[in-house]
Amino acid sequence: MDISKVKLYDLSLTIYHGCPAYPRMPVPQITRTSHRVREGYNAETMVVSSHLVTHVDTPDHFYDGAGDCVSLPLERFWGRGVFVDLREKIGPDEPIGPELLAPWLTEIQEGDFVLINTGWNQRRGFEEDYLKKWPYLDGPGAQALKDLKVKAVGIDALSLGGHGSREKARPCHEILLGAGILVIEEVNFPQEVMDGKKRLVSAFPLKIAGGSASPVRIVAYDF
């Protein structure tokens, strides 16, 4: 393979000091602890939840012993990506059910990564819509994807589930993680990947012992 011809697309958001975070979770803290002009090198200290910024939830997030960042094989963290375009089709705090997913359900195959673009990654900031009113995958929508035996489901919001109640937040996590399906949150969608083409996607976690989640650098590939 001539790797010089492979095109890579970054599907991750930038982690920065004080960046937006899921409600009630501490924002990331990044501090320069060594300076080149003083110590002869630069170094930083980071304090960040495993569940903030672009990250993958493992089944252990909801089910003890179901698989964490170390015990799951690397093969679970990559697959063919199906990019679901719901921009202009959904508004704040609205559920994503089977009816909205219907145009893509016939294209999705077992083992695929289903990545849902609601347009929320373009709103990143400290406004209420981004922090509390994102669209979310509801229980029936999660069940439809579970039935197709996908490998992972991602979204460009702070969570795949909704904010404000257990009825909005938990069903999609319980259904998917209970079936061993990964959940990926705060995905970034460059315009180039929204062309209807399916691409290989990787979302490898840090090797965190007992990690129920991990920040990830999600990458899509054109070969």
N, C-alpha and C. Protein backbone atom coordinates (compact mmCIF):
# COMPACT_ATOMS: atom_id res chain seq x y z
N MET A 1 0.83 -1.20 0.00
CA MET A 1 0.00 0.00 0.00
C MET A 1 0.87 1.26 0.00
N ASP A 2 0.53 2.19 -0.84
CA ASP A 2 1.22 3.48 -0.87
C ASP A 2 0.51 4.41 0.12
N ILE A 3 1.05 4.52 1.34
CA ILE A 3 0.35 5.30 2.37
C ILE A 3 0.34 6.79 2.06
N SER A 4 1.19 7.23 1.14
CA SER A 4 1.18 8.65 0.79
C SER A 4 -0.11 9.05 0.09
N LYS A 5 -0.86 8.06 -0.40
CA LYS A 5 -2.11 8.33 -1.11
C LYS A 5 -3.34 8.20 -0.20
N VAL A 6 -3.12 7.83 1.06
CA VAL A 6 -4.23 7.70 2.00
C VAL A 6 -4.60 9.08 2.55
N LYS A 7 -5.88 9.42 2.48
CA LYS A 7 -6.37 10.69 3.02
C LYS A 7 -6.96 10.44 4.39
N LEU A 8 -6.54 11.25 5.38
CA LEU A 8 -7.02 11.13 6.74
C LEU A 8 -7.89 12.33 7.10
N TYR A 9 -8.99 12.04 7.83
CA TYR A 9 -9.90 13.09 8.28
C TYR A 9 -10.00 13.02 9.81
N ASP A 10 -9.79 14.14 10.46
CA ASP A 10 -9.85 14.20 11.92
C ASP A 10 -11.30 14.43 12.35
N LEU A 11 -11.84 13.48 13.11
CA LEU A 11 -13.23 13.58 13.59
C LEU A 11 -13.28 13.94 15.07
N SER A 12 -12.22 14.54 15.58
CA SER A 12 -12.12 14.85 17.00
C SER A 12 -12.18 16.35 17.24
N LEU A 13 -12.68 16.72 18.43
CA LEU A 13 -12.65 18.10 18.87
C LEU A 13 -11.36 18.36 19.66
N THR A 14 -10.96 19.61 19.72
CA THR A 14 -9.74 19.98 20.44
C THR A 14 -10.00 20.07 21.94
N ILE A 15 -9.12 19.44 22.72
CA ILE A 15 -9.15 19.61 24.17
C ILE A 15 -8.36 20.86 24.52
N TYR A 16 -8.99 21.79 25.22
CA TYR A 16 -8.25 22.97 25.67
C TYR A 16 -8.69 23.35 27.08
N HIS A 17 -7.89 24.11 27.75
CA HIS A 17 -8.14 24.51 29.13
C HIS A 17 -9.49 25.21 29.24
N GLY A 18 -10.36 24.66 30.09
CA GLY A 18 -11.66 25.28 30.32
C GLY A 18 -12.67 25.08 29.22
N CYS A 19 -12.45 24.13 28.31
CA CYS A 19 -13.38 23.94 27.19
C CYS A 19 -14.72 23.40 27.69
N PRO A 20 -15.79 23.51 26.87
CA PRO A 20 -17.11 23.05 27.30
C PRO A 20 -17.10 21.59 27.72
N ALA A 21 -17.92 21.30 28.73
CA ALA A 21 -17.97 19.95 29.30
C ALA A 21 -19.42 19.59 29.61
N TYR A 22 -19.65 18.29 29.75
CA TYR A 22 -20.98 17.81 30.12
C TYR A 22 -21.40 18.47 31.44
N PRO A 23 -22.67 18.88 31.56
CA PRO A 23 -23.12 19.55 32.78
C PRO A 23 -22.77 18.75 34.05
N ARG A 24 -22.32 19.46 35.04
CA ARG A 24 -21.95 18.93 36.37
C ARG A 24 -20.58 18.26 36.37
N MET A 25 -19.92 18.13 35.24
CA MET A 25 -18.56 17.60 35.22
C MET A 25 -17.56 18.75 35.17
N PRO A 26 -16.40 18.59 35.82
CA PRO A 26 -15.40 19.66 35.80
C PRO A 26 -14.82 19.85 34.41
N VAL A 27 -14.58 21.08 34.05
CA VAL A 27 -13.99 21.35 32.73
C VAL A 27 -12.52 20.93 32.76
N PRO A 28 -11.95 20.57 31.60
CA PRO A 28 -10.55 20.17 31.56
C PRO A 28 -9.62 21.28 32.06
N GLN A 29 -8.58 20.86 32.76
CA GLN A 29 -7.56 21.77 33.26
C GLN A 29 -6.22 21.38 32.62
N ILE A 30 -5.64 22.26 31.87
CA ILE A 30 -4.35 22.01 31.22
C ILE A 30 -3.39 23.11 31.65
N THR A 31 -2.32 22.73 32.30
CA THR A 31 -1.39 23.70 32.87
C THR A 31 0.02 23.44 32.35
N ARG A 32 0.70 24.47 31.88
CA ARG A 32 2.10 24.35 31.48
C ARG A 32 2.93 24.29 32.76
N THR A 33 3.51 23.12 33.04
CA THR A 33 4.25 22.92 34.28
C THR A 33 5.76 23.01 34.11
N SER A 34 6.23 22.97 32.87
CA SER A 34 7.64 23.20 32.59
C SER A 34 7.74 24.10 31.37
N HIS A 35 8.72 24.99 31.39
CA HIS A 35 8.87 25.95 30.31
C HIS A 35 10.27 25.82 29.71
N ARG A 36 10.34 25.84 28.41
CA ARG A 36 11.62 25.65 27.74
C ARG A 36 12.65 26.69 28.20
N VAL A 37 12.20 27.95 28.35
CA VAL A 37 13.16 28.99 28.71
C VAL A 37 13.65 28.86 30.14
N ARG A 38 12.93 28.08 30.95
CA ARG A 38 13.32 27.92 32.35
C ARG A 38 13.94 26.55 32.62
N GLU A 39 13.23 25.48 32.26
CA GLU A 39 13.72 24.12 32.50
C GLU A 39 14.43 23.51 31.30
N GLY A 40 14.31 24.16 30.14
CA GLY A 40 14.94 23.63 28.94
C GLY A 40 14.02 22.77 28.11
N TYR A 41 12.78 22.62 28.53
CA TYR A 41 11.80 21.83 27.77
C TYR A 41 10.40 22.29 28.19
N ASN A 42 9.42 22.00 27.33
CA ASN A 42 8.02 22.29 27.64
C ASN A 42 7.32 21.01 28.07
N ALA A 43 6.44 21.11 29.07
CA ALA A 43 5.62 19.98 29.52
C ALA A 43 4.35 20.52 30.14
N GLU A 44 3.28 19.72 30.06
CA GLU A 44 1.99 20.13 30.57
C GLU A 44 1.44 19.06 31.52
N THR A 45 0.58 19.49 32.43
CA THR A 45 -0.19 18.59 33.27
C THR A 45 -1.66 18.74 32.91
N MET A 46 -2.34 17.60 32.71
CA MET A 46 -3.74 17.62 32.32
C MET A 46 -4.60 16.94 33.38
N VAL A 47 -5.73 17.55 33.70
CA VAL A 47 -6.75 16.94 34.53
C VAL A 47 -8.04 16.97 33.73
N VAL A 48 -8.48 15.80 33.28
CA VAL A 48 -9.67 15.74 32.43
C VAL A 48 -10.40 14.43 32.69
N SER A 49 -11.71 14.50 32.77
CA SER A 49 -12.52 13.28 32.93
C SER A 49 -12.36 12.39 31.71
N SER A 50 -12.44 11.10 31.92
CA SER A 50 -12.40 10.16 30.79
C SER A 50 -13.64 10.28 29.92
N HIS A 51 -14.66 10.98 30.41
CA HIS A 51 -15.93 11.11 29.69
C HIS A 51 -16.14 12.50 29.11
N LEU A 52 -15.08 13.24 28.87
CA LEU A 52 -15.23 14.58 28.32
C LEU A 52 -14.51 14.72 26.99
N VAL A 53 -14.94 15.71 26.24
CA VAL A 53 -14.48 16.01 24.88
C VAL A 53 -14.72 14.76 24.03
N THR A 54 -14.08 14.60 22.91
CA THR A 54 -14.35 13.44 22.05
C THR A 54 -13.85 12.18 22.76
N HIS A 55 -14.77 11.27 23.07
CA HIS A 55 -14.41 10.10 23.86
C HIS A 55 -15.29 8.91 23.50
N VAL A 56 -14.83 7.74 23.88
CA VAL A 56 -15.58 6.50 23.67
C VAL A 56 -16.00 5.95 25.02
N ASP A 57 -17.29 5.59 25.15
CA ASP A 57 -17.80 4.88 26.31
C ASP A 57 -17.74 3.39 26.05
N THR A 58 -17.16 2.64 26.97
CA THR A 58 -17.15 1.19 26.87
C THR A 58 -18.35 0.62 27.62
N PRO A 59 -18.69 -0.66 27.43
CA PRO A 59 -19.80 -1.25 28.17
C PRO A 59 -19.67 -1.12 29.68
N ASP A 60 -18.42 -1.03 30.19
CA ASP A 60 -18.20 -0.90 31.63
C ASP A 60 -18.76 0.40 32.20
N HIS A 61 -19.09 1.34 31.34
CA HIS A 61 -19.67 2.61 31.78
C HIS A 61 -20.97 2.37 32.54
N PHE A 62 -21.75 1.39 32.09
CA PHE A 62 -23.03 1.10 32.73
C PHE A 62 -23.09 -0.30 33.35
N TYR A 63 -22.19 -1.18 32.94
CA TYR A 63 -22.27 -2.57 33.37
C TYR A 63 -20.90 -3.04 33.83
N ASP A 64 -20.73 -3.21 35.14
CA ASP A 64 -19.45 -3.62 35.70
C ASP A 64 -18.99 -4.94 35.09
N GLY A 65 -17.73 -4.96 34.66
CA GLY A 65 -17.15 -6.18 34.13
C GLY A 65 -17.54 -6.52 32.71
N ALA A 66 -18.24 -5.60 32.03
CA ALA A 66 -18.71 -5.89 30.68
C ALA A 66 -17.68 -5.57 29.61
N GLY A 67 -16.58 -4.96 29.98
CA GLY A 67 -15.54 -4.61 29.00
C GLY A 67 -15.11 -3.18 29.14
N ASP A 68 -13.80 -2.97 29.40
CA ASP A 68 -13.28 -1.61 29.56
C ASP A 68 -12.23 -1.31 28.51
N CYS A 69 -11.51 -0.20 28.70
CA CYS A 69 -10.56 0.25 27.70
C CYS A 69 -9.40 -0.72 27.49
N VAL A 70 -9.11 -1.55 28.48
CA VAL A 70 -8.00 -2.49 28.38
C VAL A 70 -8.47 -3.87 27.92
N SER A 71 -9.59 -4.34 28.49
CA SER A 71 -10.01 -5.72 28.22
C SER A 71 -10.60 -5.91 26.82
N LEU A 72 -11.18 -4.86 26.24
CA LEU A 72 -11.75 -5.01 24.90
C LEU A 72 -10.63 -5.07 23.86
N PRO A 73 -10.74 -5.96 22.89
CA PRO A 73 -9.70 -6.04 21.85
C PRO A 73 -9.72 -4.82 20.95
N LEU A 74 -8.57 -4.49 20.38
CA LEU A 74 -8.47 -3.31 19.51
C LEU A 74 -9.43 -3.39 18.34
N GLU A 75 -9.75 -4.59 17.88
CA GLU A 75 -10.66 -4.74 16.74
C GLU A 75 -12.03 -4.14 17.00
N ARG A 76 -12.39 -3.98 18.27
CA ARG A 76 -13.70 -3.40 18.60
C ARG A 76 -13.73 -1.89 18.34
N PHE A 77 -12.58 -1.28 18.18
CA PHE A 77 -12.50 0.17 18.10
C PHE A 77 -12.27 0.70 16.69
N TRP A 78 -12.49 -0.16 15.69
CA TRP A 78 -12.48 0.37 14.32
C TRP A 78 -13.46 -0.43 13.48
N GLY A 79 -13.90 0.21 12.40
CA GLY A 79 -14.88 -0.42 11.52
C GLY A 79 -15.26 0.52 10.41
N ARG A 80 -16.13 0.05 9.55
CA ARG A 80 -16.61 0.88 8.46
C ARG A 80 -17.60 1.91 8.99
N GLY A 81 -17.37 3.18 8.67
CA GLY A 81 -18.21 4.25 9.16
C GLY A 81 -19.34 4.62 8.21
N VAL A 82 -20.55 4.70 8.76
CA VAL A 82 -21.72 5.20 8.03
C VAL A 82 -22.06 6.56 8.62
N PHE A 83 -22.05 7.59 7.80
CA PHE A 83 -22.24 8.96 8.27
C PHE A 83 -23.69 9.39 8.04
N VAL A 84 -24.41 9.55 9.14
CA VAL A 84 -25.84 9.89 9.10
C VAL A 84 -25.98 11.41 9.19
N ASP A 85 -26.56 12.01 8.17
CA ASP A 85 -26.65 13.47 8.10
C ASP A 85 -28.05 13.94 8.52
N LEU A 86 -28.16 14.41 9.76
CA LEU A 86 -29.43 14.94 10.25
C LEU A 86 -29.41 16.45 10.39
N ARG A 87 -28.42 17.10 9.83
CA ARG A 87 -28.40 18.56 9.83
C ARG A 87 -29.64 19.08 9.13
N GLU A 88 -30.21 20.10 9.68
CA GLU A 88 -31.44 20.72 9.14
C GLU A 88 -32.67 19.82 9.29
N LYS A 89 -32.51 18.67 9.93
CA LYS A 89 -33.64 17.74 10.09
C LYS A 89 -34.08 17.61 11.54
N ILE A 90 -33.35 18.24 12.44
CA ILE A 90 -33.66 18.06 13.86
C ILE A 90 -33.30 19.32 14.62
N GLY A 91 -34.04 19.57 15.70
CA GLY A 91 -33.82 20.78 16.48
C GLY A 91 -33.40 20.48 17.90
N PRO A 92 -33.28 21.53 18.72
CA PRO A 92 -32.83 21.36 20.10
C PRO A 92 -33.72 20.41 20.90
N ASP A 93 -33.07 19.53 21.66
CA ASP A 93 -33.74 18.64 22.61
C ASP A 93 -34.75 17.69 21.95
N GLU A 94 -34.55 17.40 20.67
CA GLU A 94 -35.46 16.49 19.96
C GLU A 94 -34.86 15.09 19.89
N PRO A 95 -35.72 14.06 19.98
CA PRO A 95 -35.22 12.68 19.93
C PRO A 95 -34.95 12.22 18.51
N ILE A 96 -33.96 11.35 18.39
CA ILE A 96 -33.65 10.70 17.11
C ILE A 96 -34.17 9.28 17.20
N GLY A 97 -35.22 9.01 16.46
CA GLY A 97 -35.84 7.69 16.47
C GLY A 97 -35.67 6.97 15.15
N PRO A 98 -36.27 5.79 15.01
CA PRO A 98 -36.11 5.01 13.79
C PRO A 98 -36.58 5.73 12.53
N GLU A 99 -37.57 6.60 12.68
CA GLU A 99 -38.09 7.29 11.50
C GLU A 99 -37.05 8.23 10.90
N LEU A 100 -36.27 8.90 11.74
CA LEU A 100 -35.22 9.78 11.23
C LEU A 100 -34.04 8.97 10.68
N LEU A 101 -33.80 7.81 11.26
CA LEU A 101 -32.69 6.97 10.83
C LEU A 101 -33.03 6.13 9.60
N ALA A 102 -34.31 6.07 9.26
CA ALA A 102 -34.79 5.14 8.22
C ALA A 102 -33.99 5.19 6.91
N PRO A 103 -33.64 6.38 6.37
CA PRO A 103 -32.91 6.38 5.09
C PRO A 103 -31.56 5.67 5.14
N TRP A 104 -31.00 5.49 6.33
CA TRP A 104 -29.69 4.85 6.46
C TRP A 104 -29.75 3.41 6.95
N LEU A 105 -30.89 3.01 7.50
CA LEU A 105 -30.98 1.69 8.11
C LEU A 105 -30.74 0.56 7.10
N THR A 106 -31.12 0.79 5.84
CA THR A 106 -30.90 -0.25 4.84
C THR A 106 -29.44 -0.33 4.38
N GLU A 107 -28.65 0.72 4.67
CA GLU A 107 -27.24 0.75 4.28
C GLU A 107 -26.32 0.20 5.37
N ILE A 108 -26.80 0.21 6.60
CA ILE A 108 -25.96 -0.18 7.74
C ILE A 108 -25.83 -1.69 7.79
N GLN A 109 -24.60 -2.14 7.98
CA GLN A 109 -24.32 -3.57 8.07
C GLN A 109 -23.75 -3.92 9.44
N GLU A 110 -23.78 -5.19 9.76
CA GLU A 110 -23.22 -5.66 11.01
C GLU A 110 -21.75 -5.23 11.13
N GLY A 111 -21.39 -4.70 12.30
CA GLY A 111 -20.02 -4.27 12.54
C GLY A 111 -19.70 -2.84 12.14
N ASP A 112 -20.68 -2.12 11.61
CA ASP A 112 -20.44 -0.73 11.20
C ASP A 112 -20.36 0.22 12.40
N PHE A 113 -19.68 1.34 12.19
CA PHE A 113 -19.75 2.49 13.08
C PHE A 113 -20.81 3.42 12.50
N VAL A 114 -21.82 3.76 13.28
CA VAL A 114 -22.86 4.69 12.84
C VAL A 114 -22.59 6.03 13.52
N LEU A 115 -22.28 7.05 12.74
CA LEU A 115 -21.89 8.36 13.26
C LEU A 115 -22.93 9.39 12.84
N ILE A 116 -23.60 9.97 13.83
CA ILE A 116 -24.76 10.84 13.59
C ILE A 116 -24.35 12.30 13.69
N ASN A 117 -24.51 13.01 12.59
CA ASN A 117 -24.19 14.43 12.51
C ASN A 117 -25.48 15.24 12.63
N THR A 118 -25.66 15.92 13.77
CA THR A 118 -26.84 16.76 13.96
C THR A 118 -26.54 18.23 13.70
N GLY A 119 -25.26 18.54 13.49
CA GLY A 119 -24.84 19.93 13.34
C GLY A 119 -24.40 20.56 14.63
N TRP A 120 -24.51 19.81 15.75
CA TRP A 120 -24.20 20.40 17.06
C TRP A 120 -22.72 20.69 17.24
N ASN A 121 -21.85 20.00 16.53
CA ASN A 121 -20.42 20.29 16.66
C ASN A 121 -20.09 21.70 16.19
N GLN A 122 -20.94 22.29 15.35
CA GLN A 122 -20.72 23.66 14.89
C GLN A 122 -21.15 24.69 15.93
N ARG A 123 -21.85 24.25 16.97
CA ARG A 123 -22.35 25.16 18.00
C ARG A 123 -21.47 25.16 19.25
N ARG A 124 -20.38 24.44 19.22
CA ARG A 124 -19.59 24.24 20.44
C ARG A 124 -19.29 25.57 21.13
N GLY A 125 -19.61 25.62 22.40
CA GLY A 125 -19.41 26.85 23.17
C GLY A 125 -20.16 26.74 24.48
N PHE A 126 -20.49 27.88 25.05
CA PHE A 126 -21.10 27.89 26.37
C PHE A 126 -22.55 28.38 26.34
N GLU A 127 -23.18 28.27 25.18
CA GLU A 127 -24.59 28.61 25.08
C GLU A 127 -25.45 27.45 25.57
N GLU A 128 -26.67 27.77 26.00
CA GLU A 128 -27.54 26.75 26.60
C GLU A 128 -27.88 25.62 25.63
N ASP A 129 -28.07 25.94 24.34
CA ASP A 129 -28.40 24.90 23.38
C ASP A 129 -27.32 23.82 23.35
N TYR A 130 -26.06 24.25 23.31
CA TYR A 130 -24.98 23.26 23.24
C TYR A 130 -24.84 22.49 24.54
N LEU A 131 -25.00 23.17 25.66
CA LEU A 131 -24.73 22.56 26.96
C LEU A 131 -25.90 21.77 27.53
N LYS A 132 -27.12 22.02 27.08
CA LYS A 132 -28.27 21.38 27.73
C LYS A 132 -29.37 20.91 26.78
N LYS A 133 -29.36 21.32 25.51
CA LYS A 133 -30.52 21.05 24.66
C LYS A 133 -30.17 20.34 23.36
N TRP A 134 -29.15 19.49 23.40
CA TRP A 134 -28.75 18.81 22.17
C TRP A 134 -29.75 17.72 21.77
N PRO A 135 -29.87 17.41 20.47
CA PRO A 135 -30.67 16.26 20.04
C PRO A 135 -30.04 14.97 20.57
N TYR A 136 -30.85 13.94 20.75
CA TYR A 136 -30.35 12.72 21.36
C TYR A 136 -31.02 11.49 20.75
N LEU A 137 -30.33 10.37 20.86
CA LEU A 137 -30.87 9.10 20.37
C LEU A 137 -31.82 8.53 21.40
N ASP A 138 -33.06 8.25 21.00
CA ASP A 138 -34.02 7.69 21.95
C ASP A 138 -33.93 6.16 21.99
N GLY A 139 -34.72 5.56 22.85
CA GLY A 139 -34.68 4.11 23.02
C GLY A 139 -35.00 3.34 21.75
N PRO A 140 -36.11 3.65 21.06
CA PRO A 140 -36.41 2.94 19.82
C PRO A 140 -35.33 3.10 18.75
N GLY A 141 -34.72 4.30 18.68
CA GLY A 141 -33.63 4.50 17.73
C GLY A 141 -32.44 3.64 18.06
N ALA A 142 -32.11 3.56 19.36
CA ALA A 142 -31.01 2.70 19.79
C ALA A 142 -31.32 1.23 19.51
N GLN A 143 -32.55 0.82 19.74
CA GLN A 143 -32.93 -0.57 19.50
C GLN A 143 -32.80 -0.93 18.03
N ALA A 144 -33.17 0.00 17.15
CA ALA A 144 -33.06 -0.25 15.71
C ALA A 144 -31.62 -0.50 15.31
N LEU A 145 -30.69 0.27 15.91
CA LEU A 145 -29.26 0.09 15.60
C LEU A 145 -28.71 -1.17 16.26
N LYS A 146 -29.18 -1.46 17.47
CA LYS A 146 -28.77 -2.71 18.12
C LYS A 146 -29.18 -3.92 17.29
N ASP A 147 -30.38 -3.88 16.73
CA ASP A 147 -30.87 -5.00 15.93
C ASP A 147 -30.01 -5.25 14.70
N LEU A 148 -29.34 -4.20 14.22
CA LEU A 148 -28.45 -4.34 13.06
C LEU A 148 -27.05 -4.79 13.45
N LYS A 149 -26.81 -4.96 14.75
CA LYS A 149 -25.54 -5.45 15.28
C LYS A 149 -24.35 -4.57 14.88
N VAL A 150 -24.56 -3.26 15.04
CA VAL A 150 -23.47 -2.33 14.76
C VAL A 150 -22.40 -2.44 15.84
N LYS A 151 -21.24 -1.89 15.56
CA LYS A 151 -20.12 -1.97 16.51
C LYS A 151 -20.05 -0.73 17.41
N ALA A 152 -20.47 0.43 16.89
CA ALA A 152 -20.40 1.67 17.65
C ALA A 152 -21.42 2.65 17.10
N VAL A 153 -21.88 3.55 17.98
CA VAL A 153 -22.78 4.64 17.59
C VAL A 153 -22.21 5.92 18.17
N GLY A 154 -22.05 6.93 17.32
CA GLY A 154 -21.49 8.20 17.76
C GLY A 154 -22.39 9.36 17.41
N ILE A 155 -22.16 10.48 18.10
CA ILE A 155 -22.93 11.69 17.86
C ILE A 155 -22.03 12.90 18.14
N ASP A 156 -22.41 14.05 17.60
CA ASP A 156 -21.60 15.26 17.76
C ASP A 156 -22.02 16.12 18.93
N ALA A 157 -22.84 15.59 19.83
CA ALA A 157 -23.30 16.32 21.01
C ALA A 157 -22.52 15.85 22.24
N LEU A 158 -22.78 16.51 23.38
CA LEU A 158 -22.09 16.17 24.62
C LEU A 158 -22.40 14.77 25.10
N SER A 159 -23.54 14.23 24.69
CA SER A 159 -23.91 12.87 25.06
C SER A 159 -24.81 12.29 23.98
N LEU A 160 -24.80 10.97 23.86
CA LEU A 160 -25.73 10.32 22.94
C LEU A 160 -27.14 10.37 23.49
N GLY A 161 -27.26 10.34 24.82
CA GLY A 161 -28.56 10.50 25.46
C GLY A 161 -28.85 11.96 25.74
N GLY A 162 -30.10 12.26 26.03
CA GLY A 162 -30.49 13.65 26.25
C GLY A 162 -30.17 14.15 27.64
N HIS A 163 -30.38 15.43 27.83
CA HIS A 163 -30.09 16.08 29.11
C HIS A 163 -31.39 16.37 29.85
N GLY A 164 -31.33 16.25 31.19
CA GLY A 164 -32.45 16.74 32.00
C GLY A 164 -33.28 15.68 32.66
N SER A 165 -33.22 14.44 32.19
CA SER A 165 -34.00 13.38 32.83
C SER A 165 -33.40 12.02 32.47
N ARG A 166 -33.61 11.05 33.36
CA ARG A 166 -33.16 9.69 33.09
C ARG A 166 -33.85 9.11 31.86
N GLU A 167 -35.10 9.52 31.64
CA GLU A 167 -35.87 8.98 30.52
C GLU A 167 -35.25 9.36 29.18
N LYS A 168 -34.56 10.49 29.13
CA LYS A 168 -33.87 10.89 27.91
C LYS A 168 -32.42 10.41 27.87
N ALA A 169 -31.78 10.38 29.03
CA ALA A 169 -30.35 10.12 29.07
C ALA A 169 -29.99 8.64 29.00
N ARG A 170 -30.74 7.78 29.67
CA ARG A 170 -30.28 6.41 29.90
C ARG A 170 -30.66 5.37 28.84
N PRO A 171 -31.85 5.42 28.24
CA PRO A 171 -32.24 4.29 27.38
C PRO A 171 -31.24 3.92 26.29
N CYS A 172 -30.72 4.90 25.55
CA CYS A 172 -29.81 4.56 24.46
C CYS A 172 -28.52 3.95 25.01
N HIS A 173 -28.03 4.45 26.15
CA HIS A 173 -26.83 3.88 26.75
C HIS A 173 -27.08 2.45 27.23
N GLU A 174 -28.19 2.25 27.89
CA GLU A 174 -28.49 0.92 28.42
C GLU A 174 -28.64 -0.10 27.30
N ILE A 175 -29.33 0.28 26.24
CA ILE A 175 -29.57 -0.65 25.12
C ILE A 175 -28.27 -0.96 24.40
N LEU A 176 -27.51 0.06 24.05
CA LEU A 176 -26.31 -0.16 23.25
C LEU A 176 -25.18 -0.77 24.07
N LEU A 177 -24.85 -0.16 25.21
CA LEU A 177 -23.76 -0.69 26.03
C LEU A 177 -24.09 -2.08 26.55
N GLY A 178 -25.37 -2.33 26.81
CA GLY A 178 -25.78 -3.65 27.25
C GLY A 178 -25.58 -4.72 26.20
N ALA A 179 -25.52 -4.31 24.94
CA ALA A 179 -25.27 -5.24 23.84
C ALA A 179 -23.80 -5.23 23.42
N GLY A 180 -22.96 -4.53 24.19
CA GLY A 180 -21.53 -4.47 23.86
C GLY A 180 -21.20 -3.49 22.76
N ILE A 181 -22.13 -2.59 22.44
CA ILE A 181 -21.92 -1.59 21.38
C ILE A 181 -21.33 -0.33 21.99
N LEU A 182 -20.23 0.14 21.42
CA LEU A 182 -19.56 1.33 21.93
C LEU A 182 -20.38 2.58 21.67
N VAL A 183 -20.22 3.57 22.53
CA VAL A 183 -20.85 4.88 22.37
C VAL A 183 -19.74 5.91 22.24
N ILE A 184 -19.82 6.75 21.21
CA ILE A 184 -18.82 7.79 20.98
C ILE A 184 -19.51 9.15 21.01
N GLU A 185 -18.98 10.07 21.80
CA GLU A 185 -19.63 11.36 21.99
C GLU A 185 -18.70 12.52 21.64
N GLU A 186 -19.30 13.64 21.26
CA GLU A 186 -18.59 14.85 20.81
C GLU A 186 -17.71 14.56 19.59
N VAL A 187 -18.30 13.91 18.62
CA VAL A 187 -17.63 13.67 17.34
C VAL A 187 -17.63 14.97 16.54
N ASN A 188 -16.56 15.20 15.81
CA ASN A 188 -16.48 16.34 14.90
C ASN A 188 -16.65 15.85 13.47
N PHE A 189 -17.39 16.60 12.66
CA PHE A 189 -17.66 16.17 11.29
C PHE A 189 -17.15 17.20 10.28
N PRO A 190 -15.97 17.01 9.73
CA PRO A 190 -15.55 17.86 8.62
C PRO A 190 -16.51 17.70 7.45
N GLN A 191 -16.70 18.75 6.71
CA GLN A 191 -17.64 18.70 5.59
C GLN A 191 -17.27 17.62 4.58
N GLU A 192 -15.98 17.33 4.43
CA GLU A 192 -15.53 16.37 3.42
C GLU A 192 -16.08 14.96 3.64
N VAL A 193 -16.39 14.60 4.89
CA VAL A 193 -16.86 13.24 5.14
C VAL A 193 -18.38 13.11 4.98
N MET A 194 -19.06 14.22 4.72
CA MET A 194 -20.51 14.19 4.60
C MET A 194 -20.95 14.08 3.14
N ASP A 195 -20.24 13.26 2.38
CA ASP A 195 -20.54 13.10 0.95
C ASP A 195 -21.26 11.79 0.65
N GLY A 196 -21.72 11.10 1.69
CA GLY A 196 -22.43 9.84 1.51
C GLY A 196 -21.54 8.62 1.37
N LYS A 197 -20.24 8.82 1.37
CA LYS A 197 -19.30 7.71 1.22
C LYS A 197 -19.04 7.04 2.57
N LYS A 198 -18.94 5.72 2.55
CA LYS A 198 -18.58 4.97 3.75
C LYS A 198 -17.06 4.87 3.83
N ARG A 199 -16.53 5.10 5.02
CA ARG A 199 -15.08 5.12 5.20
C ARG A 199 -14.69 4.31 6.43
N LEU A 200 -13.50 3.75 6.40
CA LEU A 200 -12.95 3.12 7.59
C LEU A 200 -12.76 4.19 8.66
N VAL A 201 -13.14 3.86 9.90
CA VAL A 201 -13.02 4.78 11.02
C VAL A 201 -12.35 4.05 12.18
N SER A 202 -11.41 4.73 12.85
CA SER A 202 -10.79 4.19 14.05
C SER A 202 -11.01 5.16 15.21
N ALA A 203 -11.19 4.59 16.41
CA ALA A 203 -11.40 5.38 17.62
C ALA A 203 -10.75 4.66 18.79
N PHE A 204 -9.43 4.57 18.78
CA PHE A 204 -8.71 3.78 19.77
C PHE A 204 -8.59 4.54 21.09
N PRO A 205 -8.92 3.88 22.22
CA PRO A 205 -8.84 4.53 23.52
C PRO A 205 -7.43 4.47 24.09
N LEU A 206 -7.17 5.30 25.08
CA LEU A 206 -5.98 5.14 25.89
C LEU A 206 -6.11 3.85 26.69
N LYS A 207 -4.98 3.25 27.03
CA LYS A 207 -4.99 1.96 27.73
C LYS A 207 -5.11 2.20 29.23
N ILE A 208 -6.33 2.60 29.65
CA ILE A 208 -6.61 2.98 31.03
C ILE A 208 -7.17 1.77 31.77
N ALA A 209 -6.47 1.28 32.76
CA ALA A 209 -6.95 0.13 33.54
C ALA A 209 -8.27 0.49 34.21
N GLY A 210 -9.29 -0.32 33.98
CA GLY A 210 -10.60 -0.07 34.54
C GLY A 210 -11.33 1.08 33.89
N GLY A 211 -10.81 1.59 32.79
CA GLY A 211 -11.40 2.77 32.15
C GLY A 211 -12.76 2.48 31.54
N SER A 212 -13.79 3.14 32.06
CA SER A 212 -15.12 3.01 31.48
C SER A 212 -15.25 3.86 30.22
N ALA A 213 -14.29 4.75 30.02
CA ALA A 213 -14.26 5.61 28.83
C ALA A 213 -12.85 6.13 28.64
N SER A 214 -12.62 6.75 27.49
CA SER A 214 -11.32 7.36 27.22
C SER A 214 -11.46 8.41 26.14
N PRO A 215 -10.73 9.53 26.28
CA PRO A 215 -10.61 10.43 25.13
C PRO A 215 -10.03 9.67 23.94
N VAL A 216 -10.47 10.01 22.74
CA VAL A 216 -9.99 9.34 21.54
C VAL A 216 -9.71 10.36 20.45
N ARG A 217 -8.81 10.01 19.56
CA ARG A 217 -8.58 10.77 18.32
C ARG A 217 -9.24 9.95 17.23
N ILE A 218 -10.45 10.30 16.85
CA ILE A 218 -11.17 9.55 15.83
C ILE A 218 -10.68 9.98 14.47
N VAL A 219 -10.39 8.99 13.63
CA VAL A 219 -9.87 9.27 12.30
C VAL A 219 -10.66 8.46 11.27
N ALA A 220 -11.04 9.10 10.17
CA ALA A 220 -11.64 8.41 9.03
C ALA A 220 -10.61 8.40 7.90
N TYR A 221 -10.65 7.34 7.08
CA TYR A 221 -9.61 7.12 6.07
C TYR A 221 -10.22 6.95 4.67
N ASP A 222 -9.57 7.55 3.71
CA ASP A 222 -9.81 7.26 2.28
C ASP A 222 -8.60 6.56 1.72
N PHE A 223 -8.78 5.34 1.23
CA PHE A 223 -7.67 4.61 0.66
C PHE A 223 -7.66 4.72 -0.86
